[in-house]
C-alpha atoms as a PDB file:
ATOM      1  CA  MET A   1      -1.407  -7.579 -17.622  1.00  0.00           C
ATOM      2  CA  ARG A   2       1.519  -5.259 -18.171  1.00  0.00           C
ATOM      3  CA  ALA A   3       1.897  -1.517 -18.204  1.00  0.00           C
ATOM      4  CA  PRO A   4       1.782  -0.422 -21.846  1.00  0.00           C
ATOM      5  CA  HIS A   5       5.120   1.330 -21.922  1.00  0.00           C
ATOM      6  CA  GLY A   6       7.250  -0.546 -19.442  1.00  0.00           C
ATOM      7  CA  GLY A   7       6.157   0.934 -16.138  1.00  0.00           C
ATOM      8  CA  SER A   8       7.901   3.486 -13.986  1.00  0.00           C
ATOM      9  CA  ALA A   9      11.633   3.721 -13.393  1.00  0.00           C
ATOM     10  CA  THR A  10      11.330   1.386 -10.421  1.00  0.00           C
ATOM     11  CA  GLY A  11       9.022  -1.040 -12.203  1.00  0.00           C
ATOM     12  CA  GLN A  12       5.947  -0.052 -10.216  1.00  0.00           C
ATOM     13  CA  VAL A  13       2.611  -0.599 -11.889  1.00  0.00           C
ATOM     14  CA  LEU A  14      -1.019  -0.599 -10.881  1.00  0.00           C
ATOM     15  CA  PRO A  15      -1.911  -3.343  -8.342  1.00  0.00           C
ATOM     16  CA  VAL A  16      -3.387  -5.519 -11.078  1.00  0.00           C
ATOM     17  CA  SER A  17      -4.081  -8.639  -9.037  1.00  0.00           C
ATOM     18  CA  HIS A  18      -5.996  -6.643  -6.417  1.00  0.00           C
ATOM     19  CA  LEU A  19      -8.022  -4.692  -8.971  1.00  0.00           C
ATOM     20  CA  ALA A  20      -8.968  -7.891 -10.766  1.00  0.00           C
ATOM     21  CA  ARG A  21     -11.084  -8.758  -7.720  1.00  0.00           C
ATOM     22  CA  HIS A  22     -11.736  -5.291  -6.257  1.00  0.00           C
ATOM     23  CA  PRO A  23     -11.991  -2.946  -9.262  1.00  0.00           C
ATOM     24  CA  ALA A  24     -13.738  -0.030  -7.535  1.00  0.00           C
ATOM     25  CA  ILE A  25     -11.034   2.520  -6.691  1.00  0.00           C
ATOM     26  CA  PRO A  26     -12.076   4.926  -3.917  1.00  0.00           C
ATOM     27  CA  ALA A  27     -11.768   8.525  -5.121  1.00  0.00           C
ATOM     28  CA  LEU A  28     -11.188  10.629  -2.018  1.00  0.00           C
ATOM     29  CA  ARG A  29     -11.959  14.316  -1.591  1.00  0.00           C
ATOM     30  CA  GLN A  30     -11.265  14.470   2.155  1.00  0.00           C
ATOM     31  CA  ALA A  31      -8.432  12.933   4.162  1.00  0.00           C
ATOM     32  CA  GLY A  32     -10.775  11.194   6.599  1.00  0.00           C
ATOM     33  CA  GLU A  33     -12.309   9.149   3.798  1.00  0.00           C
ATOM     34  CA  VAL A  34      -9.165   7.025   3.585  1.00  0.00           C
ATOM     35  CA  ASP A  35     -10.291   5.194   6.737  1.00  0.00           C
ATOM     36  CA  GLU A  36     -13.630   4.339   5.122  1.00  0.00           C
ATOM     37  CA  ALA A  37     -11.801   3.078   2.059  1.00  0.00           C
ATOM     38  CA  ALA A  38      -9.591   0.893   4.256  1.00  0.00           C
ATOM     39  CA  SER A  39     -12.645  -0.611   5.940  1.00  0.00           C
ATOM     40  CA  CYS A  40     -13.848  -1.668   2.475  1.00  0.00           C
ATOM     41  CA  GLY A  41     -10.569  -3.484   1.809  1.00  0.00           C
ATOM     42  CA  ALA A  42      -9.262  -1.052  -0.810  1.00  0.00           C
ATOM     43  CA  ALA A  43      -5.544  -1.440  -1.539  1.00  0.00           C
ATOM     44  CA  LEU A  44      -5.433   1.602  -3.813  1.00  0.00           C
ATOM     45  CA  VAL A  45      -7.011   5.037  -3.386  1.00  0.00           C
ATOM     46  CA  PHE A  46      -6.992   8.198  -5.473  1.00  0.00           C
ATOM     47  CA  PHE A  47      -6.731  11.525  -3.630  1.00  0.00           C
ATOM     48  CA  LEU A  48      -8.396  13.958  -6.008  1.00  0.00           C
ATOM     49  CA  THR A  49      -8.154  17.376  -4.412  1.00  0.00           C
ATOM     50  CA  GLY A  50      -6.799  19.143  -1.359  1.00  0.00           C
ATOM     51  CA  THR A  51      -3.500  20.423  -0.009  1.00  0.00           C
ATOM     52  CA  VAL A  52      -0.111  18.831   0.498  1.00  0.00           C
ATOM     53  CA  TYR A  53      -0.807  18.809   4.229  1.00  0.00           C
ATOM     54  CA  GLU A  54      -3.981  16.800   3.721  1.00  0.00           C
ATOM     55  CA  LEU A  55      -2.106  14.513   1.341  1.00  0.00           C
ATOM     56  CA  ARG A  56       0.523  13.822   4.007  1.00  0.00           C
ATOM     57  CA  ASP A  57      -2.284  12.872   6.395  1.00  0.00           C
ATOM     58  CA  VAL A  58      -3.785  10.545   3.787  1.00  0.00           C
ATOM     59  CA  ILE A  59      -0.402   8.900   3.170  1.00  0.00           C
ATOM     60  CA  GLU A  60       0.151   8.270   6.875  1.00  0.00           C
ATOM     61  CA  ARG A  61      -3.308   6.784   7.361  1.00  0.00           C
ATOM     62  CA  ALA A  62      -3.055   4.719   4.195  1.00  0.00           C
ATOM     63  CA  ALA A  63       0.348   3.328   5.158  1.00  0.00           C
ATOM     64  CA  ALA A  64      -1.107   1.958   8.369  1.00  0.00           C
ATOM     65  CA  ALA A  65      -3.736   0.130   6.323  1.00  0.00           C
ATOM     66  CA  GLY A  66      -1.330  -1.095   3.643  1.00  0.00           C
ATOM     67  CA  GLN A  67      -2.839   1.108   0.955  1.00  0.00           C
ATOM     68  CA  GLN A  68      -1.187   2.776  -2.021  1.00  0.00           C
ATOM     69  CA  VAL A  69      -2.068   6.423  -2.676  1.00  0.00           C
ATOM     70  CA  PHE A  70      -2.144   8.099  -6.087  1.00  0.00           C
ATOM     71  CA  CYS A  71      -2.800  11.846  -6.118  1.00  0.00           C
ATOM     72  CA  HIS A  72      -4.303  14.087  -8.774  1.00  0.00           C
ATOM     73  CA  VAL A  73      -1.423  16.535  -9.057  1.00  0.00           C
ATOM     74  CA  ASP A  74      -3.323  18.989 -11.268  1.00  0.00           C
ATOM     75  CA  LEU A  75      -5.702  19.752  -8.384  1.00  0.00           C
ATOM     76  CA  LEU A  76      -3.265  19.427  -5.496  1.00  0.00           C
ATOM     77  CA  HIS A  77      -2.505  22.753  -3.793  1.00  0.00           C
ATOM     78  CA  GLY A  78       0.990  23.532  -2.542  1.00  0.00           C
ATOM     79  CA  ILE A  79       3.073  21.513  -5.001  1.00  0.00           C
ATOM     80  CA  GLY A  80       4.898  22.639  -8.132  1.00  0.00           C
ATOM     81  CA  LYS A  81       3.645  21.117 -11.369  1.00  0.00           C
ATOM     82  CA  ASP A  82       7.194  20.316 -12.472  1.00  0.00           C
ATOM     83  CA  PRO A  83       9.919  17.634 -12.098  1.00  0.00           C
ATOM     84  CA  VAL A  84      10.962  18.982  -8.691  1.00  0.00           C
ATOM     85  CA  GLY A  85       7.394  18.687  -7.484  1.00  0.00           C
ATOM     86  CA  MET A  86       7.231  15.072  -8.659  1.00  0.00           C
ATOM     87  CA  ARG A  87      10.504  14.320  -6.859  1.00  0.00           C
ATOM     88  CA  TRP A  88       9.160  15.847  -3.650  1.00  0.00           C
ATOM     89  CA  LEU A  89       5.979  13.766  -3.850  1.00  0.00           C
ATOM     90  CA  ALA A  90       7.979  10.586  -4.346  1.00  0.00           C
ATOM     91  CA  LYS A  91      10.846  11.155  -1.915  1.00  0.00           C
ATOM     92  CA  GLU A  92       9.358  13.289   0.850  1.00  0.00           C
ATOM     93  CA  ILE A  93       5.656  12.394   0.884  1.00  0.00           C
ATOM     94  CA  GLY A  94       5.625   8.784  -0.231  1.00  0.00           C
ATOM     95  CA  VAL A  95       3.009   8.934  -2.960  1.00  0.00           C
ATOM     96  CA  LYS A  96       3.042   5.836  -5.182  1.00  0.00           C
ATOM     97  CA  GLY A  97       1.502   7.352  -8.282  1.00  0.00           C
ATOM     98  CA  ILE A  98      -0.012  10.411  -9.882  1.00  0.00           C
ATOM     99  CA  LEU A  99      -3.013  11.266 -12.011  1.00  0.00           C
ATOM    100  CA  THR A 100      -2.656  14.128 -14.462  1.00  0.00           C
ATOM    101  CA  THR A 101      -3.946  15.552 -17.711  1.00  0.00           C
ATOM    102  CA  ARG A 102      -0.538  17.144 -18.297  1.00  0.00           C
ATOM    103  CA  SER A 103       1.660  15.053 -20.551  1.00  0.00           C
ATOM    104  CA  SER A 104       4.712  17.026 -19.410  1.00  0.00           C
ATOM    105  CA  LEU A 105       4.387  15.519 -15.937  1.00  0.00           C
ATOM    106  CA  ILE A 106       4.216  11.894 -17.080  1.00  0.00           C
ATOM    107  CA  LYS A 107       7.936  11.474 -17.796  1.00  0.00           C
ATOM    108  CA  ALA A 108       8.912  13.490 -14.717  1.00  0.00           C
ATOM    109  CA  ALA A 109       6.777  11.257 -12.504  1.00  0.00           C
ATOM    110  CA  LYS A 110       8.077   8.041 -14.068  1.00  0.00           C
ATOM    111  CA  ASP A 111      11.668   9.218 -13.650  1.00  0.00           C
ATOM    112  CA  GLU A 112      10.996   9.449  -9.908  1.00  0.00           C
ATOM    113  CA  GLY A 113       9.582   5.920  -9.760  1.00  0.00           C
ATOM    114  CA  LEU A 114       5.947   6.982  -9.593  1.00  0.00           C
ATOM    115  CA  VAL A 115       3.172   5.245 -11.504  1.00  0.00           C
ATOM    116  CA  ALA A 116       1.976   7.842 -14.017  1.00  0.00           C
ATOM    117  CA  VAL A 117      -1.677   7.742 -15.060  1.00  0.00           C
ATOM    118  CA  GLN A 118      -2.742  10.004 -17.912  1.00  0.00           C
ATOM    119  CA  ARG A 119      -6.322  11.231 -17.558  1.00  0.00           C
ATOM    120  CA  LEU A 120      -8.118  11.400 -20.894  1.00  0.00           C
ATOM    121  CA  PHE A 121     -11.392  13.325 -21.125  1.00  0.00           C
ATOM    122  CA  VAL A 122     -13.538  12.149 -24.029  1.00  0.00           C
ATOM    123  CA  LEU A 123     -15.935  14.982 -24.840  1.00  0.00           C
ATOM    124  CA  ASP A 124     -16.261  14.423 -28.574  1.00  0.00           C
ATOM    125  CA  SER A 125     -14.533  12.761 -31.522  1.00  0.00           C
ATOM    126  CA  GLU A 126     -11.861  15.442 -31.736  1.00  0.00           C
ATOM    127  CA  SER A 127     -10.967  15.219 -28.045  1.00  0.00           C
ATOM    128  CA  LEU A 128     -10.682  11.443 -28.394  1.00  0.00           C
ATOM    129  CA  LYS A 129      -8.342  11.773 -31.365  1.00  0.00           C
ATOM    130  CA  THR A 130      -6.226  14.422 -29.657  1.00  0.00           C
ATOM    131  CA  GLY A 131      -6.146  12.485 -26.389  1.00  0.00           C
ATOM    132  CA  LEU A 132      -4.945   9.288 -28.029  1.00  0.00           C
ATOM    133  CA  SER A 133      -2.196  11.254 -29.769  1.00  0.00           C
ATOM    134  CA  VAL A 134      -1.094  12.719 -26.431  1.00  0.00           C
ATOM    135  CA  VAL A 135      -1.066   9.265 -24.818  1.00  0.00           C
ATOM    136  CA  ALA A 136       1.043   7.888 -27.666  1.00  0.00           C
ATOM    137  CA  SER A 137       3.678  10.566 -27.084  1.00  0.00           C
ATOM    138  CA  SER A 138       3.606  10.775 -23.279  1.00  0.00           C
ATOM    139  CA  ARG A 139       3.732   6.982 -22.796  1.00  0.00           C
ATOM    140  CA  PRO A 140       2.017   6.762 -19.378  1.00  0.00           C
ATOM    141  CA  ASP A 141       1.902   3.608 -17.282  1.00  0.00           C
ATOM    142  CA  ALA A 142      -1.891   3.591 -17.577  1.00  0.00           C
ATOM    143  CA  VAL A 143      -4.731   5.676 -18.984  1.00  0.00           C
ATOM    144  CA  GLU A 144      -7.877   6.802 -17.179  1.00  0.00           C
ATOM    145  CA  ILE A 145     -10.854   7.424 -19.478  1.00  0.00           C
ATOM    146  CA  LEU A 146     -13.356  10.040 -18.303  1.00  0.00           C
ATOM    147  CA  PRO A 147     -16.289  10.050 -17.989  1.00  0.00           C
ATOM    148  CA  ALA A 148     -16.449   6.311 -17.447  1.00  0.00           C
ATOM    149  CA  LEU A 149     -19.972   5.949 -18.798  1.00  0.00           C
ATOM    150  CA  VAL A 150     -18.818   6.742 -22.351  1.00  0.00           C
ATOM    151  CA  LEU A 151     -16.611   3.651 -22.474  1.00  0.00           C
ATOM    152  CA  PRO A 152     -19.262   1.117 -23.576  1.00  0.00           C
ATOM    153  CA  SER A 153     -20.084   3.399 -26.522  1.00  0.00           C
ATOM    154  CA  ILE A 154     -16.532   4.131 -27.669  1.00  0.00           C
ATOM    155  CA  ILE A 155     -14.564   1.021 -26.738  1.00  0.00           C
ATOM    156  CA  HIS A 156     -14.580  -0.100 -30.382  1.00  0.00           C
ATOM    157  CA  ARG A 157     -12.757   3.114 -31.275  1.00  0.00           C
ATOM    158  CA  LEU A 158      -9.961   2.673 -28.744  1.00  0.00           C
ATOM    159  CA  PRO A 159      -6.606   0.998 -29.516  1.00  0.00           C
ATOM    160  CA  VAL A 160      -6.989  -1.238 -26.468  1.00  0.00           C
ATOM    161  CA  ASP A 161      -3.702  -3.088 -26.973  1.00  0.00           C
ATOM    162  CA  GLU A 162      -1.829   0.211 -26.960  1.00  0.00           C
ATOM    163  CA  ILE A 163      -3.457   1.816 -23.918  1.00  0.00           C
ATOM    164  CA  SER A 164      -3.871  -1.208 -21.621  1.00  0.00           C
ATOM    165  CA  PRO A 165      -4.080  -1.319 -18.730  1.00  0.00           C
ATOM    166  CA  PHE A 166      -6.755   1.347 -18.724  1.00  0.00           C
ATOM    167  CA  ILE A 167      -9.148   2.443 -16.029  1.00  0.00           C
ATOM    168  CA  ALA A 168     -12.123   4.778 -16.019  1.00  0.00           C
ATOM    169  CA  GLY A 169     -13.700   7.367 -13.756  1.00  0.00           C
ATOM    170  CA  GLY A 170     -16.600   9.738 -13.483  1.00  0.00           C
ATOM    171  CA  LEU A 171     -20.395   9.517 -13.202  1.00  0.00           C
ATOM    172  CA  VAL A 172     -20.518   5.865 -12.072  1.00  0.00           C
ATOM    173  CA  GLU A 173     -23.020   5.585  -9.208  1.00  0.00           C
ATOM    174  CA  THR A 174     -24.604   2.128  -9.449  1.00  0.00           C
ATOM    175  CA  VAL A 175     -23.441  -1.476  -9.646  1.00  0.00           C
ATOM    176  CA  PRO A 176     -24.923  -1.975 -13.142  1.00  0.00           C
ATOM    177  CA  GLU A 177     -23.037   1.097 -14.373  1.00  0.00           C
ATOM    178  CA  LEU A 178     -19.829  -0.147 -12.761  1.00  0.00           C
ATOM    179  CA  GLU A 179     -20.206  -3.575 -14.333  1.00  0.00           C
ATOM    180  CA  ALA A 180     -20.995  -2.115 -17.753  1.00  0.00           C
ATOM    181  CA  VAL A 181     -17.734  -0.177 -17.671  1.00  0.00           C
ATOM    182  CA  LEU A 182     -15.754  -3.180 -16.451  1.00  0.00           C
ATOM    183  CA  ALA A 183     -17.229  -5.262 -19.271  1.00  0.00           C
ATOM    184  CA  THR A 184     -15.265  -3.110 -21.736  1.00  0.00           C
ATOM    185  CA  GLY A 185     -12.013  -4.437 -20.301  1.00  0.00           C
ATOM    186  CA  ALA A 186     -11.293  -1.611 -17.884  1.00  0.00           C
ATOM    187  CA  LEU A 187      -9.066  -2.796 -15.054  1.00  0.00           C
ATOM    188  CA  GLY A 188     -10.741  -0.535 -12.520  1.00  0.00           C
ATOM    189  CA  VAL A 189     -13.172   2.319 -12.030  1.00  0.00           C
ATOM    190  CA  SER A 190     -12.469   5.262  -9.747  1.00  0.00           C
ATOM    191  CA  THR A 191     -15.542   6.492  -7.922  1.00  0.00           C
ATOM    192  CA  SER A 192     -16.471   8.769  -5.047  1.00  0.00           C
ATOM    193  CA  LYS A 193     -19.646   6.724  -4.501  1.00  0.00           C
ATOM    194  CA  LYS A 194     -18.839   5.053  -1.185  1.00  0.00           C
ATOM    195  CA  GLU A 195     -21.510   2.394  -1.648  1.00  0.00           C
ATOM    196  CA  LEU A 196     -19.380   0.958  -4.469  1.00  0.00           C
ATOM    197  CA  TRP A 197     -16.033   0.870  -2.680  1.00  0.00           C
ATOM    198  CA  GLY A 198     -16.554  -2.630  -1.360  1.00  0.00           C
ATOM    199  CA  TYR A 199     -17.613  -4.097  -4.710  1.00  0.00           C
ATOM    200  CA  THR A 200     -16.068  -7.486  -5.406  1.00  0.00           C
ATOM    201  CA  LYS A 201     -15.921  -8.862  -8.923  1.00  0.00           C
ATOM    202  CA  LYS A 202     -17.398 -12.309  -9.371  1.00  0.00           C
ATOM    203  CA  VAL A 203     -14.953 -14.992 -10.433  1.00  0.00           C
ATOM    204  CA  THR A 204     -16.087 -16.870 -13.527  1.00  0.00           C
END
Protein backbone atom coordinates (compact mmCIF):
# COMPACT_ATOMS: atom_id res chain seq x y z
CA MET A 1 0.00 0.00 0.00
CA ARG A 2 1.30 3.42 -0.91
CA ALA A 3 0.95 6.83 0.64
CA PRO A 4 -1.84 8.62 -1.25
CA HIS A 5 0.18 11.62 -2.33
CA GLY A 6 3.69 10.32 -2.74
CA GLY A 7 4.98 10.32 0.82
CA SER A 8 7.29 12.76 2.52
CA ALA A 9 10.28 14.46 0.94
CA THR A 10 12.50 11.58 2.01
CA GLY A 11 10.03 8.90 0.94
CA GLN A 12 9.09 7.92 4.48
CA VAL A 13 5.68 6.40 4.96
CA LEU A 14 3.82 4.56 7.67
CA PRO A 15 5.40 1.17 8.59
CA VAL A 16 2.81 -0.69 6.53
CA SER A 17 4.24 -4.19 6.82
CA HIS A 18 4.39 -3.94 10.61
CA LEU A 19 0.88 -2.52 10.95
CA ALA A 20 -0.51 -5.26 8.74
CA ARG A 21 0.25 -7.68 11.58
CA HIS A 22 0.25 -5.33 14.58
CA PRO A 23 -2.39 -2.68 13.80
CA ALA A 24 -2.89 -1.34 17.34
CA ILE A 25 -0.81 1.84 17.61
CA PRO A 26 -0.01 2.79 21.22
CA ALA A 27 -1.20 6.33 21.94
CA LEU A 28 1.02 7.64 24.72
CA ARG A 29 0.18 10.39 27.20
CA GLN A 30 3.24 9.91 29.42
CA ALA A 31 6.87 9.33 28.47
CA GLY A 32 7.19 6.21 30.60
CA GLU A 33 4.50 4.45 28.59
CA VAL A 34 6.90 4.04 25.67
CA ASP A 35 8.59 1.20 27.57
CA GLU A 36 5.26 -0.61 27.94
CA ALA A 37 4.62 -0.15 24.24
CA ALA A 38 8.05 -1.61 23.45
CA SER A 39 7.31 -4.66 25.59
CA CYS A 40 4.24 -5.26 23.41
CA GLY A 41 6.37 -5.23 20.26
CA ALA A 42 5.08 -1.91 18.91
CA ALA A 43 7.25 -0.44 16.15
CA LEU A 44 5.27 2.80 15.99
CA VAL A 45 3.90 4.97 18.79
CA PHE A 46 1.96 8.23 18.87
CA PHE A 47 2.89 10.77 21.56
CA LEU A 48 -0.32 12.72 22.04
CA THR A 49 0.41 15.39 24.61
CA GLY A 50 3.19 16.77 26.76
CA THR A 51 6.24 18.99 26.44
CA VAL A 52 9.23 18.98 24.13
CA TYR A 53 11.33 17.74 27.04
CA GLU A 54 9.07 14.74 27.51
CA LEU A 55 9.11 14.16 23.76
CA ARG A 56 12.91 14.07 23.77
CA ASP A 57 12.75 11.43 26.51
CA VAL A 58 10.26 9.40 24.47
CA ILE A 59 12.47 9.61 21.38
CA GLU A 60 15.53 8.40 23.28
CA ARG A 61 13.67 5.48 24.84
CA ALA A 62 11.99 4.58 21.57
CA ALA A 63 15.27 4.63 19.65
CA ALA A 64 16.69 2.03 22.00
CA ALA A 65 13.72 -0.21 21.21
CA GLY A 66 13.75 0.44 17.46
CA GLN A 67 10.47 2.34 17.53
CA GLN A 68 9.31 5.24 15.38
CA VAL A 69 7.65 8.17 17.17
CA PHE A 70 4.96 10.42 15.69
CA CYS A 71 3.88 13.38 17.82
CA HIS A 72 0.62 15.30 17.93
CA VAL A 73 2.05 18.75 17.29
CA ASP A 74 -1.21 20.58 18.02
CA LEU A 75 -1.00 19.50 21.67
CA LEU A 76 2.76 19.58 22.11
CA HIS A 77 3.94 22.37 24.42
CA GLY A 78 7.14 24.27 23.68
CA ILE A 79 7.23 24.04 19.89
CA GLY A 80 6.16 26.58 17.28
CA LYS A 81 3.28 25.51 15.06
CA ASP A 82 5.14 26.64 11.94
CA PRO A 83 7.74 25.42 9.40
CA VAL A 84 10.62 26.21 11.76
CA GLY A 85 9.00 24.10 14.44
CA MET A 86 8.65 21.19 12.02
CA ARG A 87 12.32 21.53 11.04
CA TRP A 88 13.35 21.48 14.70
CA LEU A 89 11.31 18.33 15.36
CA ALA A 90 12.88 16.58 12.39
CA LYS A 91 16.49 17.74 12.70
CA GLU A 92 17.02 18.25 16.42
CA ILE A 93 14.58 15.85 18.10
CA GLY A 94 14.37 12.98 15.64
CA VAL A 95 10.61 12.63 15.33
CA LYS A 96 9.59 10.51 12.33
CA GLY A 97 6.12 11.91 11.81
CA ILE A 98 3.46 14.28 13.03
CA LEU A 99 -0.26 14.22 13.67
CA THR A 100 -2.17 17.45 13.17
CA THR A 101 -5.56 18.91 12.37
CA ARG A 102 -3.83 21.93 10.82
CA SER A 103 -3.51 21.63 7.06
CA SER A 104 -0.89 24.40 7.06
CA LEU A 105 1.53 22.10 8.88
CA ILE A 106 1.20 19.17 6.48
CA LYS A 107 3.39 20.62 3.71
CA ALA A 108 5.88 22.04 6.21
CA ALA A 109 6.28 18.63 7.85
CA LYS A 110 6.62 16.80 4.53
CA ASP A 111 9.25 19.29 3.36
CA GLU A 112 11.33 18.28 6.38
CA GLY A 113 11.00 14.57 5.60
CA LEU A 114 8.40 13.86 8.25
CA VAL A 115 5.40 11.60 7.68
CA ALA A 116 2.40 13.94 7.89
CA VAL A 117 -0.87 12.51 9.18
CA GLN A 118 -3.96 14.69 8.92
CA ARG A 119 -6.43 14.10 11.74
CA LEU A 120 -10.03 14.27 10.57
CA PHE A 121 -12.80 14.56 13.16
CA VAL A 122 -16.13 13.31 11.83
CA LEU A 123 -18.83 14.90 13.97
CA ASP A 124 -21.56 15.19 11.36
CA SER A 125 -22.12 15.23 7.60
CA GLU A 126 -20.82 18.77 7.23
CA SER A 127 -17.60 18.07 9.13
CA LEU A 128 -17.04 15.02 6.94
CA LYS A 129 -17.50 17.05 3.77
CA THR A 130 -15.26 19.86 5.00
CA GLY A 131 -12.63 17.42 6.25
CA LEU A 132 -12.41 15.58 2.95
CA SER A 133 -12.00 18.91 1.16
CA VAL A 134 -9.14 19.84 3.51
CA VAL A 135 -7.45 16.48 2.94
CA ALA A 136 -7.72 16.91 -0.83
CA SER A 137 -5.90 20.24 -0.63
CA SER A 138 -3.34 19.45 2.09
CA ARG A 139 -2.31 16.11 0.54
CA PRO A 140 -1.11 14.33 3.71
CA ASP A 141 0.77 11.04 3.70
CA ALA A 142 -2.10 9.44 5.62
CA VAL A 143 -5.41 10.34 7.24
CA GLU A 144 -6.55 9.49 10.77
CA ILE A 145 -10.33 9.29 11.17
CA LEU A 146 -11.70 10.16 14.61
CA PRO A 147 -13.54 8.81 16.47
CA ALA A 148 -12.68 5.37 15.15
CA LEU A 149 -16.03 3.85 16.04
CA VAL A 150 -17.81 5.91 13.36
CA LEU A 151 -15.85 4.23 10.57
CA PRO A 152 -18.07 1.15 10.10
CA SER A 153 -21.06 3.48 9.65
CA ILE A 154 -19.47 5.95 7.23
CA ILE A 155 -16.95 3.90 5.28
CA HIS A 156 -19.30 3.81 2.28
CA ARG A 157 -19.15 7.61 2.18
CA LEU A 158 -15.37 7.83 2.13
CA PRO A 159 -13.27 8.05 -1.07
CA VAL A 160 -11.07 5.20 0.14
CA ASP A 161 -8.81 5.16 -2.92
CA GLU A 162 -8.02 8.83 -2.39
CA ILE A 163 -7.31 8.76 1.35
CA SER A 164 -5.53 5.41 1.70
CA PRO A 165 -3.65 4.51 3.72
CA PHE A 166 -5.96 5.64 6.49
CA ILE A 167 -5.95 4.88 10.18
CA ALA A 168 -8.40 5.59 12.97
CA GLY A 169 -8.36 6.59 16.62
CA GLY A 170 -10.59 7.30 19.55
CA LEU A 171 -13.03 5.38 21.77
CA VAL A 172 -11.74 1.89 20.86
CA GLU A 173 -11.47 -0.15 24.07
CA THR A 174 -12.20 -3.78 23.15
CA VAL A 175 -10.94 -6.33 20.66
CA PRO A 176 -14.32 -6.56 18.88
CA GLU A 177 -14.34 -2.78 18.45
CA LEU A 178 -10.77 -2.84 17.15
CA GLU A 179 -11.57 -5.59 14.67
CA ALA A 180 -14.73 -3.83 13.48
CA VAL A 181 -12.70 -0.75 12.63
CA LEU A 182 -9.98 -2.77 10.92
CA ALA A 183 -12.63 -4.53 8.85
CA THR A 184 -13.31 -1.21 7.10
CA GLY A 185 -9.81 -1.28 5.62
CA ALA A 186 -8.09 0.89 8.20
CA LEU A 187 -4.37 0.15 8.31
CA GLY A 188 -4.15 0.75 12.04
CA VAL A 189 -5.98 2.03 15.09
CA SER A 190 -4.38 4.33 17.65
CA THR A 191 -5.47 3.60 21.19
CA SER A 192 -4.50 4.46 24.74
CA LYS A 193 -6.02 1.16 25.92
CA LYS A 194 -2.89 -0.74 26.92
CA GLU A 195 -4.66 -4.10 26.84
CA LEU A 196 -4.89 -3.71 23.05
CA TRP A 197 -1.28 -2.76 22.35
CA GLY A 198 -0.17 -6.34 21.87
CA TYR A 199 -3.00 -7.25 19.49
CA THR A 200 -1.85 -9.34 16.54
CA LYS A 201 -3.97 -9.60 13.42
CA LYS A 202 -4.76 -13.12 12.30
CA VAL A 203 -3.35 -14.11 8.94
CA THR A 204 -5.99 -15.47 6.58
